């Protein structure tokens, strides 16, 4: 009973609103959830912008779906080795920010791709967000014959997903602590 109360309290204290920018599903059963989340303190410090210099945490949660997935895939499991970038464009001024999303881990989403960013303009403005998904190279991921026979030479194909009129104001004003 004490463990259940601890988990409920943890979820209450650490749950934070997230802005779902978009959701996509691609073959062979990979689900993407793109989000704007509350900026956070990310380590190692020298590889990430200081929390107080950023507005939002751009995320791509990339997991195997729960149905119609390859045999052996773990339902809901993290899909590693992807190269994900995002371009955030201010729809009023045209100013842009380019970011590489890198693997992160936390106690809310577990593994995900993300990066704290400074918006290229006011938090009141609307933004277009383009997510670019690049499959792992042959150096990142080796394929067994059974995978190759059913799914081909790659884990996935390259993909781009574009979203318009994204407003980060509520997320940019929110605080974790």
Protein backbone atom coordinates (compact mmCIF):
# COMPACT_ATOMS: atom_id res chain seq x y z
CA UNK A 1 0.00 0.00 0.00
CA UNK A 2 2.86 2.38 0.85
CA UNK A 3 4.44 1.73 -2.59
CA UNK A 4 1.16 2.54 -4.38
CA UNK A 5 0.79 5.81 -2.46
CA UNK A 6 4.41 6.71 -3.26
CA UNK A 7 3.82 6.11 -6.98
CA UNK A 8 0.60 8.17 -6.94
CA UNK A 9 2.36 11.01 -5.10
CA UNK A 10 5.32 10.86 -7.51
CA UNK A 11 3.00 11.01 -10.53
CA UNK A 12 1.07 13.92 -9.00
CA UNK A 13 4.19 15.92 -8.18
CA UNK A 14 6.12 15.22 -11.38
CA UNK A 15 3.36 15.01 -13.97
CA UNK A 16 3.44 18.02 -16.21
CA UNK A 17 1.32 19.15 -19.11
CA UNK A 18 2.62 18.37 -22.56
CA UNK A 19 1.52 19.80 -25.87
CA UNK A 20 0.91 17.00 -28.37
CA UNK A 21 2.03 18.43 -31.70
CA UNK A 22 1.18 15.31 -33.70
CA UNK A 23 0.98 11.53 -33.78
CA UNK A 24 2.06 9.30 -36.65
CA UNK A 25 2.44 5.59 -37.36
CA UNK A 26 4.81 4.19 -39.98
CA UNK A 27 5.68 0.72 -41.21
CA UNK A 28 6.62 -1.67 -39.73
CA UNK A 29 4.53 -0.60 -36.71
CA UNK A 30 6.42 2.32 -35.20
CA UNK A 31 4.42 5.03 -33.43
CA UNK A 32 5.65 8.61 -33.12
CA UNK A 33 4.25 11.13 -30.65
CA UNK A 34 5.72 14.60 -31.16
CA UNK A 35 5.39 16.96 -28.19
CA UNK A 36 6.32 20.29 -26.75
CA UNK A 37 7.06 19.68 -23.09
CA UNK A 38 8.16 21.83 -20.19
CA UNK A 39 11.85 22.66 -20.36
CA UNK A 40 13.98 20.76 -17.89
CA UNK A 41 17.49 20.49 -16.46
CA UNK A 42 19.28 18.09 -18.82
CA UNK A 43 22.67 16.49 -18.22
CA UNK A 44 25.47 16.40 -19.13
CA UNK A 45 25.38 20.15 -18.79
CA UNK A 46 28.05 20.89 -21.40
CA UNK A 47 26.04 19.17 -24.15
CA UNK A 48 22.69 20.91 -23.52
CA UNK A 49 21.43 24.46 -23.19
CA UNK A 50 20.77 25.71 -19.67
CA UNK A 51 17.13 25.36 -18.73
CA UNK A 52 16.90 29.10 -18.00
CA UNK A 53 18.06 29.91 -21.57
CA UNK A 54 15.29 27.90 -23.26
CA UNK A 55 11.53 27.95 -23.74
CA UNK A 56 10.42 24.35 -24.40
CA UNK A 57 11.58 20.74 -24.55
CA UNK A 58 10.85 19.35 -28.03
CA UNK A 59 10.22 15.59 -27.86
CA UNK A 60 9.70 12.64 -30.15
CA UNK A 61 8.48 9.57 -28.33
CA UNK A 62 9.23 6.68 -30.69
CA UNK A 63 7.94 3.26 -29.71
CA UNK A 64 6.68 0.03 -31.20
CA UNK A 65 2.91 0.20 -31.41
CA UNK A 66 0.80 -2.30 -29.45
CA UNK A 67 -0.56 -4.19 -32.48
CA UNK A 68 0.52 -5.10 -36.02
CA UNK A 69 4.24 -5.03 -35.21
CA UNK A 70 7.05 -7.36 -36.27
CA UNK A 71 7.41 -10.65 -34.45
CA UNK A 72 9.83 -10.21 -31.55
CA UNK A 73 9.19 -6.46 -31.18
CA UNK A 74 8.30 -5.43 -27.62
CA UNK A 75 4.86 -3.78 -27.54
CA UNK A 76 5.39 -0.15 -26.57
CA UNK A 77 9.19 -0.58 -26.50
CA UNK A 78 11.55 2.26 -27.43
CA UNK A 79 12.91 2.26 -30.98
CA UNK A 80 16.61 3.23 -30.82
CA UNK A 81 19.24 4.39 -33.32
CA UNK A 82 17.08 6.84 -35.28
CA UNK A 83 18.41 10.25 -36.26
CA UNK A 84 15.71 12.84 -35.65
CA UNK A 85 15.90 16.54 -36.38
CA UNK A 86 13.33 19.30 -36.10
CA UNK A 87 13.03 22.70 -37.69
CA UNK A 88 10.90 25.19 -35.75
CA UNK A 89 9.84 28.16 -37.90
CA UNK A 90 8.17 31.33 -36.59
CA UNK A 91 5.15 31.73 -38.88
CA UNK A 92 5.15 35.54 -38.44
CA UNK A 93 8.85 36.34 -38.99
CA UNK A 94 10.21 33.30 -40.81
CA UNK A 95 13.03 32.91 -38.26
CA UNK A 96 14.05 29.27 -37.73
CA UNK A 97 15.70 27.02 -35.18
CA UNK A 98 17.21 23.68 -36.21
CA UNK A 99 17.70 20.96 -33.60
CA UNK A 100 19.03 17.42 -33.39
CA UNK A 101 16.87 15.41 -31.03
CA UNK A 102 19.02 13.05 -28.98
CA UNK A 103 18.07 10.12 -26.74
CA UNK A 104 16.99 11.09 -23.23
CA UNK A 105 15.61 9.10 -20.31
CA UNK A 106 13.40 10.27 -17.47
CA UNK A 107 10.92 8.77 -15.03
CA UNK A 108 7.83 9.99 -16.91
CA UNK A 109 8.33 9.02 -20.58
CA UNK A 110 11.37 6.77 -20.10
CA UNK A 111 13.47 6.71 -23.31
CA UNK A 112 12.63 9.41 -25.86
CA UNK A 113 14.37 11.73 -28.31
CA UNK A 114 14.41 15.38 -27.22
CA UNK A 115 16.16 18.70 -26.77
CA UNK A 116 15.54 21.95 -24.88
CA UNK A 117 15.24 24.85 -27.34
CA UNK A 118 14.83 28.59 -27.47
CA UNK A 119 11.99 29.55 -29.78
CA UNK A 120 12.96 31.84 -32.68
CA UNK A 121 10.57 34.57 -31.53
CA UNK A 122 7.90 35.28 -28.95
CA UNK A 123 6.15 32.54 -27.00
CA UNK A 124 2.91 34.20 -28.20
CA UNK A 125 3.68 33.47 -31.88
CA UNK A 126 2.56 30.43 -33.87
CA UNK A 127 5.20 28.07 -35.23
CA UNK A 128 5.53 25.45 -37.92
CA UNK A 129 7.40 22.36 -36.78
CA UNK A 130 8.97 19.89 -39.20
CA UNK A 131 10.28 16.60 -37.81
CA UNK A 132 12.70 14.66 -40.01
CA UNK A 133 13.27 10.98 -39.33
CA UNK A 134 16.39 9.34 -40.75
CA UNK A 135 16.84 5.57 -40.42
CA UNK A 136 19.87 4.07 -38.72
CA UNK A 137 22.93 3.60 -40.92
CA UNK A 138 24.53 0.21 -41.44
CA UNK A 139 27.08 1.27 -38.79
CA UNK A 140 24.30 1.94 -36.22
CA UNK A 141 22.21 -1.18 -36.78
CA UNK A 142 22.87 -4.62 -38.26
CA UNK A 143 19.99 -6.59 -39.81
CA UNK A 144 19.53 -10.34 -39.57
CA UNK A 145 18.46 -12.31 -42.63
CA UNK A 146 14.94 -12.91 -41.31
CA UNK A 147 14.39 -9.14 -40.93
CA UNK A 148 15.87 -8.49 -44.36
CA UNK A 149 13.67 -11.14 -45.97
CA UNK A 150 10.46 -9.64 -44.51
CA UNK A 151 11.21 -5.91 -44.25
CA UNK A 152 14.13 -5.13 -46.55
CA UNK A 153 17.41 -3.28 -46.14
CA UNK A 154 16.33 -0.73 -43.50
CA UNK A 155 14.50 -0.52 -40.22
CA UNK A 156 12.37 2.28 -41.72
CA UNK A 157 12.39 4.72 -44.62
CA UNK A 158 13.17 8.40 -44.16
CA UNK A 159 10.11 10.45 -43.23
CA UNK A 160 9.14 14.06 -42.63
CA UNK A 161 6.14 15.27 -40.68
CA UNK A 162 5.00 18.91 -40.77
CA UNK A 163 2.69 20.69 -38.37
CA UNK A 164 1.45 24.27 -38.62
CA UNK A 165 -0.01 26.80 -36.18
CA UNK A 166 1.68 25.25 -33.15
CA UNK A 167 1.46 27.58 -30.16
CA UNK A 168 3.91 26.86 -27.32
CA UNK A 169 2.75 29.66 -24.98
CA UNK A 170 1.18 27.48 -22.26
CA UNK A 171 4.14 25.07 -22.21
CA UNK A 172 6.72 27.87 -22.34
CA UNK A 173 5.13 29.55 -19.31
CA UNK A 174 4.83 26.34 -17.26
CA UNK A 175 7.44 25.27 -14.70
CA UNK A 176 8.38 21.77 -13.47
CA UNK A 177 9.42 22.72 -9.98
